[in-house]
C-alpha atoms as a PDB file:
ATOM      1  CA  MET A   1      14.618  68.375 -44.247  1.00  0.00           C
ATOM      2  CA  ALA A   2      14.233  65.195 -42.192  1.00  0.00           C
ATOM      3  CA  THR A   3      15.619  65.056 -38.696  1.00  0.00           C
ATOM      4  CA  ASN A   4      17.901  62.301 -37.415  1.00  0.00           C
ATOM      5  CA  LYS A   5      14.958  60.735 -35.612  1.00  0.00           C
ATOM      6  CA  ASP A   6      12.944  60.623 -38.845  1.00  0.00           C
ATOM      7  CA  LEU A   7      15.873  59.124 -40.762  1.00  0.00           C
ATOM      8  CA  HIS A   8      16.385  56.451 -38.104  1.00  0.00           C
ATOM      9  CA  ARG A   9      12.701  55.580 -38.263  1.00  0.00           C
ATOM     10  CA  GLN A  10      12.792  55.333 -42.064  1.00  0.00           C
ATOM     11  CA  TRP A  11      15.827  53.043 -41.964  1.00  0.00           C
ATOM     12  CA  ALA A  12      14.269  50.934 -39.206  1.00  0.00           C
ATOM     13  CA  LEU A  13      11.047  50.646 -41.219  1.00  0.00           C
ATOM     14  CA  ALA A  14      12.982  49.601 -44.324  1.00  0.00           C
ATOM     15  CA  GLY A  15      14.918  46.991 -42.334  1.00  0.00           C
ATOM     16  CA  ALA A  16      11.773  45.700 -40.680  1.00  0.00           C
ATOM     17  CA  SER A  17       9.985  45.281 -43.997  1.00  0.00           C
ATOM     18  CA  VAL A  18      12.955  43.358 -45.429  1.00  0.00           C
ATOM     19  CA  ARG A  19      13.017  41.090 -42.372  1.00  0.00           C
ATOM     20  CA  LEU A  20       9.256  40.589 -42.618  1.00  0.00           C
ATOM     21  CA  ARG A  21       9.625  39.372 -46.215  1.00  0.00           C
ATOM     22  CA  GLU A  22      12.395  36.997 -45.079  1.00  0.00           C
ATOM     23  CA  ILE A  23      10.185  35.596 -42.329  1.00  0.00           C
ATOM     24  CA  GLN A  24       7.277  35.138 -44.740  1.00  0.00           C
ATOM     25  CA  GLY A  25       9.623  33.216 -47.052  1.00  0.00           C
ATOM     26  CA  GLU A  26      10.735  31.023 -44.161  1.00  0.00           C
ATOM     27  CA  ILE A  27       7.101  30.331 -43.261  1.00  0.00           C
ATOM     28  CA  SER A  28       6.396  29.297 -46.840  1.00  0.00           C
ATOM     29  CA  GLU A  29       9.370  26.920 -46.790  1.00  0.00           C
ATOM     30  CA  ILE A  30       8.183  25.376 -43.517  1.00  0.00           C
ATOM     31  CA  TYR A  31       4.670  24.848 -44.917  1.00  0.00           C
ATOM     32  CA  ARG A  32       6.140  23.212 -48.027  1.00  0.00           C
ATOM     33  CA  ALA A  33       8.172  20.861 -45.852  1.00  0.00           C
ATOM     34  CA  PHE A  34       5.318  20.205 -43.399  1.00  0.00           C
ATOM     35  CA  PRO A  35       1.981  20.707 -45.167  1.00  0.00           C
ATOM     36  CA  GLU A  36       0.071  19.217 -42.243  1.00  0.00           C
ATOM     37  CA  LEU A  37       0.838  22.380 -40.266  1.00  0.00           C
ATOM     38  CA  ARG A  38      -1.614  24.322 -42.451  1.00  0.00           C
ATOM     39  CA  LYS A  39      -4.498  22.353 -40.959  1.00  0.00           C
ATOM     40  CA  GLY A  40      -4.012  23.902 -37.518  1.00  0.00           C
ATOM     41  CA  PRO A  41      -3.478  22.248 -34.168  1.00  0.00           C
ATOM     42  CA  ARG A  42      -4.856  18.782 -33.751  1.00  0.00           C
ATOM     43  CA  VAL A  43      -6.671  18.203 -30.514  1.00  0.00           C
ATOM     44  CA  SER A  44      -7.808  14.728 -29.659  1.00  0.00           C
ATOM     45  CA  THR A  45     -11.167  14.670 -27.911  1.00  0.00           C
ATOM     46  CA  LYS A  46     -11.493  10.909 -28.012  1.00  0.00           C
ATOM     47  CA  GLY A  47     -12.088   9.537 -24.531  1.00  0.00           C
ATOM     48  CA  THR A  48     -11.468  12.797 -22.715  1.00  0.00           C
ATOM     49  CA  THR A  49     -13.733  15.044 -20.762  1.00  0.00           C
ATOM     50  CA  ALA A  50     -13.225  18.538 -19.476  1.00  0.00           C
ATOM     51  CA  GLY A  51     -11.208  18.457 -16.266  1.00  0.00           C
ATOM     52  CA  ALA A  52     -10.545  14.731 -16.459  1.00  0.00           C
ATOM     53  CA  ASP A  53      -6.884  15.203 -15.547  1.00  0.00           C
ATOM     54  CA  THR A  54      -7.714  16.980 -12.307  1.00  0.00           C
ATOM     55  CA  LYS A  55      -8.883  14.902  -9.408  1.00  0.00           C
ATOM     56  CA  LYS A  56     -10.753  16.403  -6.491  1.00  0.00           C
ATOM     57  CA  ARG A  57      -9.406  15.358  -3.148  1.00  0.00           C
ATOM     58  CA  ASN A  58     -11.892  14.419  -0.507  1.00  0.00           C
ATOM     59  CA  PHE A  59     -10.361  14.582   2.950  1.00  0.00           C
ATOM     60  CA  SER A  60     -11.946  13.165   6.022  1.00  0.00           C
ATOM     61  CA  ALA A  61     -12.313  15.372   9.086  1.00  0.00           C
ATOM     62  CA  ARG A  62      -9.388  13.510  10.662  1.00  0.00           C
ATOM     63  CA  GLY A  63      -7.248  14.109   7.571  1.00  0.00           C
ATOM     64  CA  LYS A  64      -8.072  17.823   7.522  1.00  0.00           C
ATOM     65  CA  LYS A  65      -7.210  18.107  11.199  1.00  0.00           C
ATOM     66  CA  ALA A  66      -3.884  16.332  10.715  1.00  0.00           C
ATOM     67  CA  ILE A  67      -2.942  18.637   7.847  1.00  0.00           C
ATOM     68  CA  SER A  68      -4.031  21.689   9.823  1.00  0.00           C
ATOM     69  CA  GLU A  69      -1.923  20.698  12.826  1.00  0.00           C
ATOM     70  CA  GLY A  70       1.059  19.935  10.635  1.00  0.00           C
ATOM     71  CA  MET A  71       0.865  23.317   8.934  1.00  0.00           C
ATOM     72  CA  ARG A  72       0.414  25.082  12.265  1.00  0.00           C
ATOM     73  CA  LYS A  73       3.640  23.440  13.519  1.00  0.00           C
ATOM     74  CA  TYR A  74       5.412  24.287  10.248  1.00  0.00           C
ATOM     75  CA  TRP A  75       4.533  27.989  10.435  1.00  0.00           C
ATOM     76  CA  ALA A  76       5.316  28.165  14.151  1.00  0.00           C
ATOM     77  CA  ARG A  77       8.765  26.752  13.439  1.00  0.00           C
ATOM     78  CA  ARG A  78       9.324  29.215  10.580  1.00  0.00           C
ATOM     79  CA  LYS A  79       8.239  32.117  12.755  1.00  0.00           C
ATOM     80  CA  ALA A  80      10.559  31.037  15.571  1.00  0.00           C
ATOM     81  CA  LEU A  81      13.513  30.644  13.237  1.00  0.00           C
ATOM     82  CA  ALA A  82      12.814  34.011  11.614  1.00  0.00           C
ATOM     83  CA  ALA A  83      12.751  35.659  15.038  1.00  0.00           C
ATOM     84  CA  LYS A  84      16.169  34.173  15.778  1.00  0.00           C
ATOM     85  CA  GLY A  85      17.442  35.398  12.442  1.00  0.00           C
ATOM     86  CA  SER A  86      18.730  32.016  11.340  1.00  0.00           C
ATOM     87  CA  PRO A  87      17.937  30.534   7.929  1.00  0.00           C
ATOM     88  CA  MET A  88      15.420  27.746   7.855  1.00  0.00           C
ATOM     89  CA  LYS A  89      16.724  24.227   7.354  1.00  0.00           C
ATOM     90  CA  LYS A  90      14.766  21.858   5.156  1.00  0.00           C
END
């Protein structure tokens, strides 16, 4: 005799297989409506190179120093406000 757990699993398996057939039918309908989807994703490589959308920043020594000082002031202010227990204003 099957236990409740076994019966639940059998019913879940039956329901899952029915849903799987429904999904496969929906996929077939989508491919009939849009046959170009069968060809896979289209990636244009014309005029592009790997990493072309990312630009490396080249900072001068003066620029690096300015950013460093600005961040030092920012973190000092955050630390001071945290010590006071007040929320930081933007």
